[in-house]
């Protein structure tokens, strides 16, 4: 099906040769999901990695007051999972949902880590992905702690502009830690 998209991605973003990239990609299965379909549930143990061929996934949790707190959005040609649960094999605080109708490439945890053992360039790619996720999360936390709302919005414009064109204002507000009405007022100031 569309494992060639993943193979092409791996050829461009790893040191895997064409044959190895095709072998890694062939271990993933194509899954189509509808808009708002829950992929990983809060309280469950995450057992899969997801590569997005088409669409958008959202990783978030719901706080004690019932408010959504969005951690991350992933678009085409990117990986996403409930990483803390996947690594620790503890129940997840996260919910992973399809924000748009999406076509995913899915692999189970065991198969994924077997591939990282079999192919050193794939393991290196995984390590770099984890490092990027950590750095991105830390940048976002530190940046957002001291920022005014308008500066948070400017940060998104600079670092993640696709959010403002593909994601609802309510979801972007959840990502920025503000209300939708505050975000609307800030957008009007730009």
C-alpha atoms as a PDB file:
ATOM      1  CA  UNK A   1       0.000   0.000   0.000  1.00  0.00           C
ATOM      2  CA  UNK A   2       1.705   3.192   1.189  1.00  0.00           C
ATOM      3  CA  UNK A   3       4.686   1.711   3.007  1.00  0.00           C
ATOM      4  CA  UNK A   4       6.735   3.349   0.242  1.00  0.00           C
ATOM      5  CA  UNK A   5       6.010   6.748   1.834  1.00  0.00           C
ATOM      6  CA  UNK A   6       7.530   5.498   5.091  1.00  0.00           C
ATOM      7  CA  UNK A   7      10.428   3.871   3.212  1.00  0.00           C
ATOM      8  CA  UNK A   8      11.087   7.167   1.401  1.00  0.00           C
ATOM      9  CA  UNK A   9      10.945   9.028   4.724  1.00  0.00           C
ATOM     10  CA  UNK A  10      13.433   6.583   6.273  1.00  0.00           C
ATOM     11  CA  UNK A  11      15.807   6.855   3.277  1.00  0.00           C
ATOM     12  CA  UNK A  12      15.803  10.656   3.622  1.00  0.00           C
ATOM     13  CA  UNK A  13      16.035  10.822   7.419  1.00  0.00           C
ATOM     14  CA  UNK A  14      18.213   7.872   8.415  1.00  0.00           C
ATOM     15  CA  UNK A  15      21.356   6.127   7.251  1.00  0.00           C
ATOM     16  CA  UNK A  16      19.342   3.076   6.170  1.00  0.00           C
ATOM     17  CA  UNK A  17      20.015   1.947   2.624  1.00  0.00           C
ATOM     18  CA  UNK A  18      17.105   1.398   0.233  1.00  0.00           C
ATOM     19  CA  UNK A  19      16.717  -2.308   1.014  1.00  0.00           C
ATOM     20  CA  UNK A  20      16.848  -1.810   4.799  1.00  0.00           C
ATOM     21  CA  UNK A  21      14.410   1.131   4.644  1.00  0.00           C
ATOM     22  CA  UNK A  22      11.977  -1.009   2.648  1.00  0.00           C
ATOM     23  CA  UNK A  23      12.370  -3.880   5.152  1.00  0.00           C
ATOM     24  CA  UNK A  24      11.689  -1.597   8.138  1.00  0.00           C
ATOM     25  CA  UNK A  25       8.692  -0.010   6.393  1.00  0.00           C
ATOM     26  CA  UNK A  26       7.260  -3.428   5.524  1.00  0.00           C
ATOM     27  CA  UNK A  27       7.004  -4.252   9.247  1.00  0.00           C
ATOM     28  CA  UNK A  28       4.382  -1.499   9.629  1.00  0.00           C
ATOM     29  CA  UNK A  29       0.708  -2.086   8.818  1.00  0.00           C
ATOM     30  CA  UNK A  30      -1.585   0.446   7.153  1.00  0.00           C
ATOM     31  CA  UNK A  31      -4.515   1.555   9.300  1.00  0.00           C
ATOM     32  CA  UNK A  32      -7.130   4.133   8.335  1.00  0.00           C
ATOM     33  CA  UNK A  33      -8.865   6.028  11.125  1.00  0.00           C
ATOM     34  CA  UNK A  34     -11.782   8.430  11.184  1.00  0.00           C
ATOM     35  CA  UNK A  35     -11.766  11.945  12.579  1.00  0.00           C
ATOM     36  CA  UNK A  36     -11.876  11.926  16.410  1.00  0.00           C
ATOM     37  CA  UNK A  37     -11.196   8.192  16.589  1.00  0.00           C
ATOM     38  CA  UNK A  38      -9.420   7.253  19.821  1.00  0.00           C
ATOM     39  CA  UNK A  39      -6.197   5.400  19.036  1.00  0.00           C
ATOM     40  CA  UNK A  40      -4.706   5.096  22.539  1.00  0.00           C
ATOM     41  CA  UNK A  41      -6.823   5.502  25.676  1.00  0.00           C
ATOM     42  CA  UNK A  42      -6.004   7.082  29.003  1.00  0.00           C
ATOM     43  CA  UNK A  43      -5.273   4.328  31.514  1.00  0.00           C
ATOM     44  CA  UNK A  44      -4.184   1.789  28.910  1.00  0.00           C
ATOM     45  CA  UNK A  45      -0.601   0.722  28.299  1.00  0.00           C
ATOM     46  CA  UNK A  46       0.628   2.002  24.954  1.00  0.00           C
ATOM     47  CA  UNK A  47       1.955  -0.720  22.710  1.00  0.00           C
ATOM     48  CA  UNK A  48       2.365   0.916  19.290  1.00  0.00           C
ATOM     49  CA  UNK A  49       4.283   3.500  17.280  1.00  0.00           C
ATOM     50  CA  UNK A  50       2.448   5.431  14.565  1.00  0.00           C
ATOM     51  CA  UNK A  51       3.789   7.023  11.388  1.00  0.00           C
ATOM     52  CA  UNK A  52       1.396   9.409   9.681  1.00  0.00           C
ATOM     53  CA  UNK A  53       1.047   8.997   5.920  1.00  0.00           C
ATOM     54  CA  UNK A  54      -1.874  11.406   5.784  1.00  0.00           C
ATOM     55  CA  UNK A  55      -3.740  13.378   8.420  1.00  0.00           C
ATOM     56  CA  UNK A  56      -3.137  14.687  11.920  1.00  0.00           C
ATOM     57  CA  UNK A  57      -3.032  13.075  15.368  1.00  0.00           C
ATOM     58  CA  UNK A  58      -3.362  14.842  18.703  1.00  0.00           C
ATOM     59  CA  UNK A  59      -1.848  13.716  22.021  1.00  0.00           C
ATOM     60  CA  UNK A  60      -3.517  15.213  25.074  1.00  0.00           C
ATOM     61  CA  UNK A  61      -4.750  14.585  28.589  1.00  0.00           C
ATOM     62  CA  UNK A  62      -7.740  15.803  30.543  1.00  0.00           C
ATOM     63  CA  UNK A  63      -7.024  17.542  33.853  1.00  0.00           C
ATOM     64  CA  UNK A  64      -9.041  17.131  37.065  1.00  0.00           C
ATOM     65  CA  UNK A  65     -11.264  20.069  36.054  1.00  0.00           C
ATOM     66  CA  UNK A  66     -12.096  18.430  32.724  1.00  0.00           C
ATOM     67  CA  UNK A  67      -9.900  20.719  30.613  1.00  0.00           C
ATOM     68  CA  UNK A  68      -7.947  19.344  27.671  1.00  0.00           C
ATOM     69  CA  UNK A  69      -4.190  19.874  27.866  1.00  0.00           C
ATOM     70  CA  UNK A  70      -2.643  19.227  24.482  1.00  0.00           C
ATOM     71  CA  UNK A  71       0.932  17.978  24.487  1.00  0.00           C
ATOM     72  CA  UNK A  72       1.533  17.535  20.792  1.00  0.00           C
ATOM     73  CA  UNK A  73       0.105  17.486  17.278  1.00  0.00           C
ATOM     74  CA  UNK A  74       1.713  15.335  14.590  1.00  0.00           C
ATOM     75  CA  UNK A  75       1.171  15.718  10.856  1.00  0.00           C
ATOM     76  CA  UNK A  76       2.217  13.865   7.714  1.00  0.00           C
ATOM     77  CA  UNK A  77       5.651  12.244   7.670  1.00  0.00           C
ATOM     78  CA  UNK A  78       6.069  12.140  11.429  1.00  0.00           C
ATOM     79  CA  UNK A  79       5.947   9.604  14.223  1.00  0.00           C
ATOM     80  CA  UNK A  80       3.826   9.814  17.347  1.00  0.00           C
ATOM     81  CA  UNK A  81       2.945   7.649  20.322  1.00  0.00           C
ATOM     82  CA  UNK A  82       2.203   7.971  24.004  1.00  0.00           C
ATOM     83  CA  UNK A  83       5.927   7.854  24.639  1.00  0.00           C
ATOM     84  CA  UNK A  84       6.010   7.747  28.449  1.00  0.00           C
ATOM     85  CA  UNK A  85       3.615   4.797  28.528  1.00  0.00           C
ATOM     86  CA  UNK A  86       5.343   3.058  25.646  1.00  0.00           C
ATOM     87  CA  UNK A  87       8.748   3.273  27.335  1.00  0.00           C
ATOM     88  CA  UNK A  88       7.695   2.553  30.927  1.00  0.00           C
ATOM     89  CA  UNK A  89       4.853   0.161  30.054  1.00  0.00           C
ATOM     90  CA  UNK A  90       2.751   1.894  32.701  1.00  0.00           C
ATOM     91  CA  UNK A  91      -0.835   3.106  32.182  1.00  0.00           C
ATOM     92  CA  UNK A  92      -0.941   6.248  30.092  1.00  0.00           C
ATOM     93  CA  UNK A  93      -2.179   9.652  31.190  1.00  0.00           C
ATOM     94  CA  UNK A  94      -2.458  10.528  27.509  1.00  0.00           C
ATOM     95  CA  UNK A  95      -5.174  10.143  24.939  1.00  0.00           C
ATOM     96  CA  UNK A  96      -4.065   9.782  21.325  1.00  0.00           C
ATOM     97  CA  UNK A  97      -6.803  10.712  18.890  1.00  0.00           C
ATOM     98  CA  UNK A  98      -7.087  11.290  15.169  1.00  0.00           C
ATOM     99  CA  UNK A  99      -7.678  14.987  14.717  1.00  0.00           C
ATOM    100  CA  UNK A 100      -8.405  14.472  11.021  1.00  0.00           C
ATOM    101  CA  UNK A 101      -9.280  11.361   9.026  1.00  0.00           C
ATOM    102  CA  UNK A 102      -5.857   9.764   8.828  1.00  0.00           C
ATOM    103  CA  UNK A 103      -3.884   7.000   7.201  1.00  0.00           C
ATOM    104  CA  UNK A 104      -1.302   5.578   9.578  1.00  0.00           C
ATOM    105  CA  UNK A 105       1.508   3.087   9.460  1.00  0.00           C
ATOM    106  CA  UNK A 106       1.427   1.149  12.746  1.00  0.00           C
ATOM    107  CA  UNK A 107       3.930  -1.152  14.386  1.00  0.00           C
ATOM    108  CA  UNK A 108       3.765  -2.875  17.755  1.00  0.00           C
ATOM    109  CA  UNK A 109       6.327  -2.082  20.436  1.00  0.00           C
ATOM    110  CA  UNK A 110       8.147  -5.425  20.310  1.00  0.00           C
ATOM    111  CA  UNK A 111       8.524  -5.376  16.526  1.00  0.00           C
ATOM    112  CA  UNK A 112       9.701  -1.765  16.623  1.00  0.00           C
ATOM    113  CA  UNK A 113      12.427  -2.442  19.167  1.00  0.00           C
ATOM    114  CA  UNK A 114      13.446  -5.604  17.313  1.00  0.00           C
ATOM    115  CA  UNK A 115      14.056  -3.400  14.265  1.00  0.00           C
ATOM    116  CA  UNK A 116      16.174  -1.001  16.341  1.00  0.00           C
ATOM    117  CA  UNK A 117      18.314  -3.982  17.358  1.00  0.00           C
ATOM    118  CA  UNK A 118      18.537  -5.326  13.825  1.00  0.00           C
ATOM    119  CA  UNK A 119      19.380  -2.016  12.131  1.00  0.00           C
ATOM    120  CA  UNK A 120      21.811   0.322  13.908  1.00  0.00           C
ATOM    121  CA  UNK A 121      20.819   3.311  11.701  1.00  0.00           C
ATOM    122  CA  UNK A 122      17.186   2.806  12.738  1.00  0.00           C
ATOM    123  CA  UNK A 123      18.218   2.711  16.411  1.00  0.00           C
ATOM    124  CA  UNK A 124      20.161   5.945  15.871  1.00  0.00           C
ATOM    125  CA  UNK A 125      17.066   7.483  14.268  1.00  0.00           C
ATOM    126  CA  UNK A 126      14.953   6.397  17.270  1.00  0.00           C
ATOM    127  CA  UNK A 127      17.489   7.911  19.690  1.00  0.00           C
ATOM    128  CA  UNK A 128      17.507  11.181  17.758  1.00  0.00           C
ATOM    129  CA  UNK A 129      13.698  11.195  17.721  1.00  0.00           C
ATOM    130  CA  UNK A 130      13.628  10.787  21.507  1.00  0.00           C
ATOM    131  CA  UNK A 131      16.209  13.545  21.898  1.00  0.00           C
ATOM    132  CA  UNK A 132      14.180  15.855  19.648  1.00  0.00           C
ATOM    133  CA  UNK A 133      10.983  15.122  21.612  1.00  0.00           C
ATOM    134  CA  UNK A 134      12.747  15.915  24.879  1.00  0.00           C
ATOM    135  CA  UNK A 135      14.302  19.127  23.574  1.00  0.00           C
ATOM    136  CA  UNK A 136      11.037  20.265  21.976  1.00  0.00           C
ATOM    137  CA  UNK A 137       9.092  19.608  25.189  1.00  0.00           C
ATOM    138  CA  UNK A 138      11.699  21.357  27.322  1.00  0.00           C
ATOM    139  CA  UNK A 139      11.856  24.367  24.987  1.00  0.00           C
ATOM    140  CA  UNK A 140       8.098  24.627  25.045  1.00  0.00           C
ATOM    141  CA  UNK A 141       7.872  24.352  28.833  1.00  0.00           C
ATOM    142  CA  UNK A 142      10.629  26.869  29.545  1.00  0.00           C
ATOM    143  CA  UNK A 143       9.472  29.234  26.844  1.00  0.00           C
ATOM    144  CA  UNK A 144       5.855  29.139  27.901  1.00  0.00           C
ATOM    145  CA  UNK A 145       6.513  29.561  31.636  1.00  0.00           C
ATOM    146  CA  UNK A 146       7.840  33.072  31.238  1.00  0.00           C
ATOM    147  CA  UNK A 147       5.910  34.157  28.182  1.00  0.00           C
ATOM    148  CA  UNK A 148       2.932  36.395  27.849  1.00  0.00           C
ATOM    149  CA  UNK A 149       0.084  35.030  25.725  1.00  0.00           C
ATOM    150  CA  UNK A 150       1.046  37.043  22.644  1.00  0.00           C
ATOM    151  CA  UNK A 151       4.596  35.676  22.829  1.00  0.00           C
ATOM    152  CA  UNK A 152       3.277  32.101  23.021  1.00  0.00           C
ATOM    153  CA  UNK A 153       1.286  32.730  19.854  1.00  0.00           C
ATOM    154  CA  UNK A 154       4.356  34.206  18.128  1.00  0.00           C
ATOM    155  CA  UNK A 155       6.341  31.101  19.217  1.00  0.00           C
ATOM    156  CA  UNK A 156       3.777  28.877  17.499  1.00  0.00           C
ATOM    157  CA  UNK A 157       3.884  31.059  14.380  1.00  0.00           C
ATOM    158  CA  UNK A 158       7.659  30.652  14.263  1.00  0.00           C
ATOM    159  CA  UNK A 159       8.045  26.991  15.295  1.00  0.00           C
ATOM    160  CA  UNK A 160       4.756  25.295  14.387  1.00  0.00           C
ATOM    161  CA  UNK A 161       2.835  27.450  11.879  1.00  0.00           C
ATOM    162  CA  UNK A 162       0.866  24.467  10.538  1.00  0.00           C
ATOM    163  CA  UNK A 163      -1.083  24.424  13.810  1.00  0.00           C
ATOM    164  CA  UNK A 164      -2.758  27.694  12.934  1.00  0.00           C
ATOM    165  CA  UNK A 165      -3.894  26.499   9.520  1.00  0.00           C
ATOM    166  CA  UNK A 166      -4.900  22.876  10.271  1.00  0.00           C
ATOM    167  CA  UNK A 167      -6.041  22.903  13.886  1.00  0.00           C
ATOM    168  CA  UNK A 168      -9.046  24.594  15.484  1.00  0.00           C
ATOM    169  CA  UNK A 169      -8.523  27.636  17.680  1.00  0.00           C
ATOM    170  CA  UNK A 170      -9.884  25.683  20.647  1.00  0.00           C
ATOM    171  CA  UNK A 171      -7.243  22.956  20.212  1.00  0.00           C
ATOM    172  CA  UNK A 172      -4.455  25.517  19.668  1.00  0.00           C
ATOM    173  CA  UNK A 173      -5.579  27.318  22.826  1.00  0.00           C
ATOM    174  CA  UNK A 174      -5.362  24.000  24.696  1.00  0.00           C
ATOM    175  CA  UNK A 175      -1.819  23.560  23.382  1.00  0.00           C
ATOM    176  CA  UNK A 176      -0.876  27.087  24.484  1.00  0.00           C
ATOM    177  CA  UNK A 177      -2.497  26.795  27.908  1.00  0.00           C
ATOM    178  CA  UNK A 178      -5.099  29.517  27.435  1.00  0.00           C
ATOM    179  CA  UNK A 179      -8.777  29.874  26.699  1.00  0.00           C
ATOM    180  CA  UNK A 180     -10.145  30.059  23.191  1.00  0.00           C
ATOM    181  CA  UNK A 181     -11.413  33.605  23.770  1.00  0.00           C
ATOM    182  CA  UNK A 182      -7.938  34.721  24.920  1.00  0.00           C
ATOM    183  CA  UNK A 183      -6.410  33.202  21.799  1.00  0.00           C
ATOM    184  CA  UNK A 184      -8.962  34.999  19.591  1.00  0.00           C
ATOM    185  CA  UNK A 185      -8.101  38.335  21.216  1.00  0.00           C
ATOM    186  CA  UNK A 186      -4.381  37.693  20.762  1.00  0.00           C
ATOM    187  CA  UNK A 187      -4.803  36.751  17.097  1.00  0.00           C
ATOM    188  CA  UNK A 188      -6.576  40.073  16.531  1.00  0.00           C
ATOM    189  CA  UNK A 189      -3.492  41.908  17.883  1.00  0.00           C
ATOM    190  CA  UNK A 190      -1.127  40.323  15.340  1.00  0.00           C
END
